[in-house]
Amino acid sequence: ANAPNLASSNNMKARRQLRGHFGKAYAMQWAGSGAAEELVSASQDGKLIIWNANTTLKKQAIPLRSSWVMTCAFEQANNQMVACGGLD
């Protein structure tokens, strides 16, 4: 089955594309208000990547012991920590 084209049905436009994961990205979260241009993503490739969304550059790639990462989050007060959880 073909996936619906959500961009056209909601009049959304892709502004930037983040390239760097080698598997499906399962989760993403924006940093808190002090670092609004940063986000963290988790993928089945076993990595958390912290991105600068404006430049699309990777700030840091964090290899994990398991590829079963299902979620990620930025600590919202100071944007100094990220966390992840999964099926390990």
PDB file of N, CA and C in Angstrom:
ATOM      1  N   ALA A   1       0.841  -1.185   0.000  1.00  0.00           N
ATOM      2  CA  ALA A   1       0.000   0.000   0.000  1.00  0.00           C
ATOM      3  C   ALA A   1       0.882   1.243   0.000  1.00  0.00           C
ATOM      4  N   ASN A   2       0.461   2.234  -0.721  1.00  0.00           N
ATOM      5  CA  ASN A   2       1.214   3.477  -0.775  1.00  0.00           C
ATOM      6  C   ASN A   2       0.878   4.349   0.415  1.00  0.00           C
ATOM      7  N   ALA A   3       1.905   4.998   0.965  1.00  0.00           N
ATOM      8  CA  ALA A   3       1.690   5.908   2.088  1.00  0.00           C
ATOM      9  C   ALA A   3       1.048   7.185   1.567  1.00  0.00           C
ATOM     10  N   PRO A   4       0.138   7.766   2.337  1.00  0.00           N
ATOM     11  CA  PRO A   4      -0.489   9.013   1.889  1.00  0.00           C
ATOM     12  C   PRO A   4       0.532  10.140   1.844  1.00  0.00           C
ATOM     13  N   ASN A   5       0.364  11.033   0.923  1.00  0.00           N
ATOM     14  CA  ASN A   5       1.249  12.184   0.803  1.00  0.00           C
ATOM     15  C   ASN A   5       0.719  13.286   1.708  1.00  0.00           C
ATOM     16  N   LEU A   6       1.178  13.293   2.959  1.00  0.00           N
ATOM     17  CA  LEU A   6       0.667  14.240   3.943  1.00  0.00           C
ATOM     18  C   LEU A   6       1.054  15.671   3.622  1.00  0.00           C
ATOM     19  N   ALA A   7       2.196  15.864   2.985  1.00  0.00           N
ATOM     20  CA  ALA A   7       2.629  17.225   2.682  1.00  0.00           C
ATOM     21  C   ALA A   7       1.633  17.924   1.757  1.00  0.00           C
ATOM     22  N   SER A   8       1.138  17.227   0.759  1.00  0.00           N
ATOM     23  CA  SER A   8       0.211  17.871  -0.167  1.00  0.00           C
ATOM     24  C   SER A   8      -1.181  18.013   0.426  1.00  0.00           C
ATOM     25  N   SER A   9      -1.602  17.079   1.260  1.00  0.00           N
ATOM     26  CA  SER A   9      -2.951  17.149   1.805  1.00  0.00           C
ATOM     27  C   SER A   9      -3.084  18.206   2.898  1.00  0.00           C
ATOM     28  N   ASN A  10      -1.988  18.604   3.519  1.00  0.00           N
ATOM     29  CA  ASN A  10      -2.037  19.614   4.575  1.00  0.00           C
ATOM     30  C   ASN A  10      -1.363  20.922   4.167  1.00  0.00           C
ATOM     31  N   ASN A  11      -1.011  21.053   2.903  1.00  0.00           N
ATOM     32  CA  ASN A  11      -0.321  22.239   2.405  1.00  0.00           C
ATOM     33  C   ASN A  11       0.980  22.502   3.154  1.00  0.00           C
ATOM     34  N   MET A  12       1.679  21.453   3.549  1.00  0.00           N
ATOM     35  CA  MET A  12       2.975  21.598   4.194  1.00  0.00           C
ATOM     36  C   MET A  12       4.071  21.475   3.148  1.00  0.00           C
ATOM     37  N   LYS A  13       5.189  22.117   3.441  1.00  0.00           N
ATOM     38  CA  LYS A  13       6.326  22.082   2.539  1.00  0.00           C
ATOM     39  C   LYS A  13       7.565  21.691   3.325  1.00  0.00           C
ATOM     40  N   ALA A  14       8.357  20.790   2.774  1.00  0.00           N
ATOM     41  CA  ALA A  14       9.628  20.437   3.408  1.00  0.00           C
ATOM     42  C   ALA A  14      10.575  21.625   3.285  1.00  0.00           C
ATOM     43  N   ARG A  15      11.140  22.056   4.385  1.00  0.00           N
ATOM     44  CA  ARG A  15      12.071  23.191   4.382  1.00  0.00           C
ATOM     45  C   ARG A  15      13.518  22.719   4.354  1.00  0.00           C
ATOM     46  N   ARG A  16      13.797  21.662   5.121  1.00  0.00           N
ATOM     47  CA  ARG A  16      15.136  21.111   5.179  1.00  0.00           C
ATOM     48  C   ARG A  16      15.033  19.600   5.345  1.00  0.00           C
ATOM     49  N   GLN A  17      16.059  18.896   4.907  1.00  0.00           N
ATOM     50  CA  GLN A  17      16.103  17.453   5.059  1.00  0.00           C
ATOM     51  C   GLN A  17      17.367  17.082   5.812  1.00  0.00           C
ATOM     52  N   LEU A  18      17.192  16.355   6.906  1.00  0.00           N
ATOM     53  CA  LEU A  18      18.326  15.929   7.724  1.00  0.00           C
ATOM     54  C   LEU A  18      18.778  14.557   7.246  1.00  0.00           C
ATOM     55  N   ARG A  19      20.023  14.466   6.830  1.00  0.00           N
ATOM     56  CA  ARG A  19      20.561  13.190   6.337  1.00  0.00           C
ATOM     57  C   ARG A  19      21.669  12.737   7.273  1.00  0.00           C
ATOM     58  N   GLY A  20      21.585  11.470   7.707  1.00  0.00           N
ATOM     59  CA  GLY A  20      22.632  10.969   8.578  1.00  0.00           C
ATOM     60  C   GLY A  20      22.325   9.627   9.207  1.00  0.00           C
ATOM     61  N   HIS A  21      21.051   9.297   9.372  1.00  0.00           N
ATOM     62  CA  HIS A  21      20.699   7.985   9.914  1.00  0.00           C
ATOM     63  C   HIS A  21      20.734   6.950   8.793  1.00  0.00           C
ATOM     64  N   PHE A  22      21.078   5.716   9.155  1.00  0.00           N
ATOM     65  CA  PHE A  22      21.113   4.624   8.190  1.00  0.00           C
ATOM     66  C   PHE A  22      19.982   3.637   8.422  1.00  0.00           C
ATOM     67  N   GLY A  23      18.990   4.042   9.152  1.00  0.00           N
ATOM     68  CA  GLY A  23      17.802   3.231   9.396  1.00  0.00           C
ATOM     69  C   GLY A  23      16.622   4.156   9.589  1.00  0.00           C
ATOM     70  N   LYS A  24      15.471   3.569   9.838  1.00  0.00           N
ATOM     71  CA  LYS A  24      14.277   4.379  10.053  1.00  0.00           C
ATOM     72  C   LYS A  24      14.433   5.225  11.308  1.00  0.00           C
ATOM     73  N   ALA A  25      14.032   6.463  11.212  1.00  0.00           N
ATOM     74  CA  ALA A  25      14.021   7.339  12.390  1.00  0.00           C
ATOM     75  C   ALA A  25      12.703   7.106  13.120  1.00  0.00           C
ATOM     76  N   TYR A  26      12.793   6.749  14.400  1.00  0.00           N
ATOM     77  CA  TYR A  26      11.609   6.439  15.184  1.00  0.00           C
ATOM     78  C   TYR A  26      11.091   7.620  15.986  1.00  0.00           C
ATOM     79  N   ALA A  27      11.973   8.537  16.362  1.00  0.00           N
ATOM     80  CA  ALA A  27      11.546   9.628  17.239  1.00  0.00           C
ATOM     81  C   ALA A  27      12.411  10.851  17.025  1.00  0.00           C
ATOM     82  N   MET A  28      11.846  12.015  17.370  1.00  0.00           N
ATOM     83  CA  MET A  28      12.550  13.275  17.264  1.00  0.00           C
ATOM     84  C   MET A  28      11.944  14.218  18.283  1.00  0.00           C
ATOM     85  N   GLN A  29      12.784  15.065  18.891  1.00  0.00           N
ATOM     86  CA  GLN A  29      12.265  16.097  19.782  1.00  0.00           C
ATOM     87  C   GLN A  29      13.116  17.347  19.667  1.00  0.00           C
ATOM     88  N   TRP A  30      12.439  18.488  19.652  1.00  0.00           N
ATOM     89  CA  TRP A  30      13.116  19.777  19.647  1.00  0.00           C
ATOM     90  C   TRP A  30      13.660  20.068  21.027  1.00  0.00           C
ATOM     91  N   ALA A  31      14.763  20.815  21.067  1.00  0.00           N
ATOM     92  CA  ALA A  31      15.318  21.280  22.339  1.00  0.00           C
ATOM     93  C   ALA A  31      14.384  22.333  22.931  1.00  0.00           C
ATOM     94  N   GLY A  32      14.640  22.680  24.180  1.00  0.00           N
ATOM     95  CA  GLY A  32      13.835  23.699  24.847  1.00  0.00           C
ATOM     96  C   GLY A  32      14.109  25.086  24.297  1.00  0.00           C
ATOM     97  N   SER A  33      13.511  26.083  24.901  1.00  0.00           N
ATOM     98  CA  SER A  33      13.539  27.438  24.362  1.00  0.00           C
ATOM     99  C   SER A  33      14.940  28.053  24.293  1.00  0.00           C
ATOM    100  N   GLY A  34      15.892  27.590  25.084  1.00  0.00           N
ATOM    101  CA  GLY A  34      17.240  28.153  25.051  1.00  0.00           C
ATOM    102  C   GLY A  34      18.057  27.753  23.842  1.00  0.00           C
ATOM    103  N   ALA A  35      17.674  26.684  23.164  1.00  0.00           N
ATOM    104  CA  ALA A  35      18.407  26.194  21.992  1.00  0.00           C
ATOM    105  C   ALA A  35      17.406  25.725  20.944  1.00  0.00           C
ATOM    106  N   ALA A  36      16.569  26.641  20.506  1.00  0.00           N
ATOM    107  CA  ALA A  36      15.439  26.292  19.652  1.00  0.00           C
ATOM    108  C   ALA A  36      15.834  25.712  18.298  1.00  0.00           C
ATOM    109  N   GLU A  37      17.086  25.890  17.881  1.00  0.00           N
ATOM    110  CA  GLU A  37      17.484  25.358  16.578  1.00  0.00           C
ATOM    111  C   GLU A  37      17.982  23.920  16.671  1.00  0.00           C
ATOM    112  N   GLU A  38      18.081  23.344  17.868  1.00  0.00           N
ATOM    113  CA  GLU A  38      18.593  21.986  18.027  1.00  0.00           C
ATOM    114  C   GLU A  38      17.459  20.980  18.170  1.00  0.00           C
ATOM    115  N   LEU A  39      17.730  19.770  17.692  1.00  0.00           N
ATOM    116  CA  LEU A  39      16.804  18.662  17.922  1.00  0.00           C
ATOM    117  C   LEU A  39      17.596  17.378  18.044  1.00  0.00           C
ATOM    118  N   VAL A  40      16.970  16.372  18.628  1.00  0.00           N
ATOM    119  CA  VAL A  40      17.586  15.055  18.770  1.00  0.00           C
ATOM    120  C   VAL A  40      16.691  14.045  18.048  1.00  0.00           C
ATOM    121  N   SER A  41      17.327  13.073  17.400  1.00  0.00           N
ATOM    122  CA  SER A  41      16.572  12.024  16.722  1.00  0.00           C
ATOM    123  C   SER A  41      17.121  10.664  17.110  1.00  0.00           C
ATOM    124  N   ALA A  42      16.241   9.668  17.107  1.00  0.00           N
ATOM    125  CA  ALA A  42      16.615   8.281  17.417  1.00  0.00           C
ATOM    126  C   ALA A  42      16.232   7.413  16.224  1.00  0.00           C
ATOM    127  N   SER A  43      17.092   6.443  15.922  1.00  0.00           N
ATOM    128  CA  SER A  43      16.871   5.618  14.748  1.00  0.00           C
ATOM    129  C   SER A  43      17.168   4.161  15.039  1.00  0.00           C
ATOM    130  N   GLN A  44      16.661   3.299  14.161  1.00  0.00           N
ATOM    131  CA  GLN A  44      16.936   1.869  14.302  1.00  0.00           C
ATOM    132  C   GLN A  44      18.373   1.524  13.944  1.00  0.00           C
ATOM    133  N   ASP A  45      19.165   2.508  13.522  1.00  0.00           N
ATOM    134  CA  ASP A  45      20.586   2.254  13.288  1.00  0.00           C
ATOM    135  C   ASP A  45      21.384   2.272  14.591  1.00  0.00           C
ATOM    136  N   GLY A  46      20.711   2.509  15.730  1.00  0.00           N
ATOM    137  CA  GLY A  46      21.388   2.485  17.021  1.00  0.00           C
ATOM    138  C   GLY A  46      22.103   3.767  17.374  1.00  0.00           C
ATOM    139  N   LYS A  47      21.664   4.879  16.818  1.00  0.00           N
ATOM    140  CA  LYS A  47      22.309   6.159  17.110  1.00  0.00           C
ATOM    141  C   LYS A  47      21.281   7.205  17.519  1.00  0.00           C
ATOM    142  N   LEU A  48      21.707   8.058  18.448  1.00  0.00           N
ATOM    143  CA  LEU A  48      21.016   9.316  18.707  1.00  0.00           C
ATOM    144  C   LEU A  48      21.845  10.375  18.005  1.00  0.00           C
ATOM    145  N   ILE A  49      21.201  11.262  17.282  1.00  0.00           N
ATOM    146  CA  ILE A  49      21.927  12.345  16.626  1.00  0.00           C
ATOM    147  C   ILE A  49      21.334  13.665  17.092  1.00  0.00           C
ATOM    148  N   ILE A  50      22.222  14.572  17.504  1.00  0.00           N
ATOM    149  CA  ILE A  50      21.823  15.930  17.845  1.00  0.00           C
ATOM    150  C   ILE A  50      22.137  16.791  16.633  1.00  0.00           C
ATOM    151  N   TRP A  51      21.138  17.519  16.164  1.00  0.00           N
ATOM    152  CA  TRP A  51      21.218  18.281  14.929  1.00  0.00           C
ATOM    153  C   TRP A  51      21.089  19.780  15.175  1.00  0.00           C
ATOM    154  N   ASN A  52      21.690  20.546  14.285  1.00  0.00           N
ATOM    155  CA  ASN A  52      21.348  21.952  14.150  1.00  0.00           C
ATOM    156  C   ASN A  52      20.355  21.997  12.993  1.00  0.00           C
ATOM    157  N   ALA A  53      19.114  22.293  13.278  1.00  0.00           N
ATOM    158  CA  ALA A  53      18.070  22.231  12.257  1.00  0.00           C
ATOM    159  C   ALA A  53      18.201  23.337  11.225  1.00  0.00           C
ATOM    160  N   ASN A  54      18.811  24.453  11.580  1.00  0.00           N
ATOM    161  CA  ASN A  54      18.975  25.540  10.616  1.00  0.00           C
ATOM    162  C   ASN A  54      20.009  25.204   9.550  1.00  0.00           C
ATOM    163  N   THR A  55      21.130  24.626   9.974  1.00  0.00           N
ATOM    164  CA  THR A  55      22.197  24.311   9.025  1.00  0.00           C
ATOM    165  C   THR A  55      22.110  22.880   8.498  1.00  0.00           C
ATOM    166  N   THR A  56      21.300  22.026   9.123  1.00  0.00           N
ATOM    167  CA  THR A  56      21.139  20.587   8.853  1.00  0.00           C
ATOM    168  C   THR A  56      22.406  19.792   9.161  1.00  0.00           C
ATOM    169  N   LEU A  57      23.325  20.362   9.925  1.00  0.00           N
ATOM    170  CA  LEU A  57      24.555  19.660  10.290  1.00  0.00           C
ATOM    171  C   LEU A  57      24.378  18.885  11.589  1.00  0.00           C
ATOM    172  N   LYS A  58      25.063  17.731  11.655  1.00  0.00           N
ATOM    173  CA  LYS A  58      25.073  16.947  12.889  1.00  0.00           C
ATOM    174  C   LYS A  58      26.002  17.625  13.893  1.00  0.00           C
ATOM    175  N   LYS A  59      25.514  17.848  15.094  1.00  0.00           N
ATOM    176  CA  LYS A  59      26.361  18.393  16.151  1.00  0.00           C
ATOM    177  C   LYS A  59      27.051  17.267  16.894  1.00  0.00           C
ATOM    178  N   GLN A  60      26.331  16.155  17.073  1.00  0.00           N
ATOM    179  CA  GLN A  60      26.898  15.021  17.795  1.00  0.00           C
ATOM    180  C   GLN A  60      26.119  13.765  17.430  1.00  0.00           C
ATOM    181  N   ALA A  61      26.840  12.662  17.266  1.00  0.00           N
ATOM    182  CA  ALA A  61      26.225  11.350  17.051  1.00  0.00           C
ATOM    183  C   ALA A  61      26.601  10.469  18.229  1.00  0.00           C
ATOM    184  N   ILE A  62      25.615   9.894  18.870  1.00  0.00           N
ATOM    185  CA  ILE A  62      25.833   9.090  20.069  1.00  0.00           C
ATOM    186  C   ILE A  62      25.506   7.639  19.742  1.00  0.00           C
ATOM    187  N   PRO A  63      26.522   6.768  19.640  1.00  0.00           N
ATOM    188  CA  PRO A  63      26.245   5.352  19.386  1.00  0.00           C
ATOM    189  C   PRO A  63      25.700   4.683  20.645  1.00  0.00           C
ATOM    190  N   LEU A  64      24.739   3.819  20.454  1.00  0.00           N
ATOM    191  CA  LEU A  64      24.103   3.133  21.580  1.00  0.00           C
ATOM    192  C   LEU A  64      24.425   1.647  21.532  1.00  0.00           C
ATOM    193  N   ARG A  65      24.239   0.982  22.643  1.00  0.00           N
ATOM    194  CA  ARG A  65      24.539  -0.459  22.727  1.00  0.00           C
ATOM    195  C   ARG A  65      23.503  -1.310  22.015  1.00  0.00           C
ATOM    196  N   SER A  66      22.328  -0.761  21.814  1.00  0.00           N
ATOM    197  CA  SER A  66      21.236  -1.514  21.200  1.00  0.00           C
ATOM    198  C   SER A  66      20.648  -0.712  20.044  1.00  0.00           C
ATOM    199  N   SER A  67      20.190  -1.399  19.024  1.00  0.00           N
ATOM    200  CA  SER A  67      19.527  -0.717  17.922  1.00  0.00           C
ATOM    201  C   SER A  67      18.019  -0.616  18.148  1.00  0.00           C
ATOM    202  N   TRP A  68      17.543  -1.098  19.279  1.00  0.00           N
ATOM    203  CA  TRP A  68      16.109  -1.095  19.572  1.00  0.00           C
ATOM    204  C   TRP A  68      15.675   0.189  20.280  1.00  0.00           C
ATOM    205  N   VAL A  69      16.152   1.320  19.798  1.00  0.00           N
ATOM    206  CA  VAL A  69      15.801   2.618  20.378  1.00  0.00           C
ATOM    207  C   VAL A  69      14.473   3.067  19.777  1.00  0.00           C
ATOM    208  N   MET A  70      13.515   3.374  20.624  1.00  0.00           N
ATOM    209  CA  MET A  70      12.178   3.714  20.144  1.00  0.00           C
ATOM    210  C   MET A  70      11.782   5.164  20.418  1.00  0.00           C
ATOM    211  N   THR A  71      12.481   5.840  21.322  1.00  0.00           N
ATOM    212  CA  THR A  71      12.112   7.206  21.661  1.00  0.00           C
ATOM    213  C   THR A  71      13.323   7.981  22.147  1.00  0.00           C
ATOM    214  N   CYS A  72      13.214   9.284  22.102  1.00  0.00           N
ATOM    215  CA  CYS A  72      14.291  10.146  22.590  1.00  0.00           C
ATOM    216  C   CYS A  72      13.694  11.452  23.093  1.00  0.00           C
ATOM    217  N   ALA A  73      14.464  12.145  23.918  1.00  0.00           N
ATOM    218  CA  ALA A  73      13.972  13.407  24.474  1.00  0.00           C
ATOM    219  C   ALA A  73      15.137  14.300  24.857  1.00  0.00           C
ATOM    220  N   PHE A  74      14.925  15.595  24.737  1.00  0.00           N
ATOM    221  CA  PHE A  74      15.851  16.609  25.231  1.00  0.00           C
ATOM    222  C   PHE A  74      15.381  17.027  26.614  1.00  0.00           C
ATOM    223  N   GLU A  75      16.293  17.203  27.536  1.00  0.00           N
ATOM    224  CA  GLU A  75      15.986  17.828  28.832  1.00  0.00           C
ATOM    225  C   GLU A  75      15.669  19.284  28.517  1.00  0.00           C
ATOM    226  N   GLN A  76      14.511  19.762  28.934  1.00  0.00           N
ATOM    227  CA  GLN A  76      13.989  21.035  28.443  1.00  0.00           C
ATOM    228  C   GLN A  76      14.442  22.278  29.204  1.00  0.00           C
ATOM    229  N   ALA A  77      14.968  22.151  30.401  1.00  0.00           N
ATOM    230  CA  ALA A  77      15.338  23.333  31.187  1.00  0.00           C
ATOM    231  C   ALA A  77      16.639  23.964  30.697  1.00  0.00           C
ATOM    232  N   ASN A  78      17.696  23.160  30.552  1.00  0.00           N
ATOM    233  CA  ASN A  78      19.018  23.678  30.170  1.00  0.00           C
ATOM    234  C   ASN A  78      19.540  23.113  28.856  1.00  0.00           C
ATOM    235  N   ASN A  79      18.832  22.151  28.283  1.00  0.00           N
ATOM    236  CA  ASN A  79      19.232  21.512  27.022  1.00  0.00           C
ATOM    237  C   ASN A  79      20.627  20.900  27.091  1.00  0.00           C
ATOM    238  N   GLN A  80      20.977  20.330  28.232  1.00  0.00           N
ATOM    239  CA  GLN A  80      22.303  19.754  28.422  1.00  0.00           C
ATOM    240  C   GLN A  80      22.310  18.231  28.356  1.00  0.00           C
ATOM    241  N   MET A  81      21.133  17.601  28.392  1.00  0.00           N
ATOM    242  CA  MET A  81      21.070  16.139  28.402  1.00  0.00           C
ATOM    243  C   MET A  81      20.017  15.643  27.402  1.00  0.00           C
ATOM    244  N   VAL A  82      20.285  14.464  26.863  1.00  0.00           N
ATOM    245  CA  VAL A  82      19.286  13.758  26.061  1.00  0.00           C
ATOM    246  C   VAL A  82      19.080  12.391  26.699  1.00  0.00           C
ATOM    247  N   ALA A  83      17.923  11.825  26.454  1.00  0.00           N
ATOM    248  CA  ALA A  83      17.614  10.500  26.988  1.00  0.00           C
ATOM    249  C   ALA A  83      16.963   9.681  25.870  1.00  0.00           C
ATOM    250  N   CYS A  84      17.051   8.372  26.019  1.00  0.00           N
ATOM    251  CA  CYS A  84      16.394   7.492  25.043  1.00  0.00           C
ATOM    252  C   CYS A  84      15.851   6.272  25.768  1.00  0.00           C
ATOM    253  N   GLY A  85      14.935   5.608  25.124  1.00  0.00           N
ATOM    254  CA  GLY A  85      14.360   4.384  25.671  1.00  0.00           C
ATOM    255  C   GLY A  85      14.017   3.446  24.543  1.00  0.00           C
ATOM    256  N   GLY A  86      13.954   2.172  24.879  1.00  0.00           N
ATOM    257  CA  GLY A  86      13.660   1.211  23.821  1.00  0.00           C
ATOM    258  C   GLY A  86      13.324  -0.158  24.369  1.00  0.00           C
ATOM    259  N   LEU A  87      13.568  -1.155  23.549  1.00  0.00           N
ATOM    260  CA  LEU A  87      13.188  -2.520  23.854  1.00  0.00           C
ATOM    261  C   LEU A  87      14.347  -3.362  24.382  1.00  0.00           C
ATOM    262  N   ASP A  88      15.380  -2.715  24.907  1.00  0.00           N
ATOM    263  CA  ASP A  88      16.517  -3.471  25.426  1.00  0.00           C
ATOM    264  C   ASP A  88      16.167  -3.873  26.815  1.00  0.00           C
TER     265      ASP A  88
END
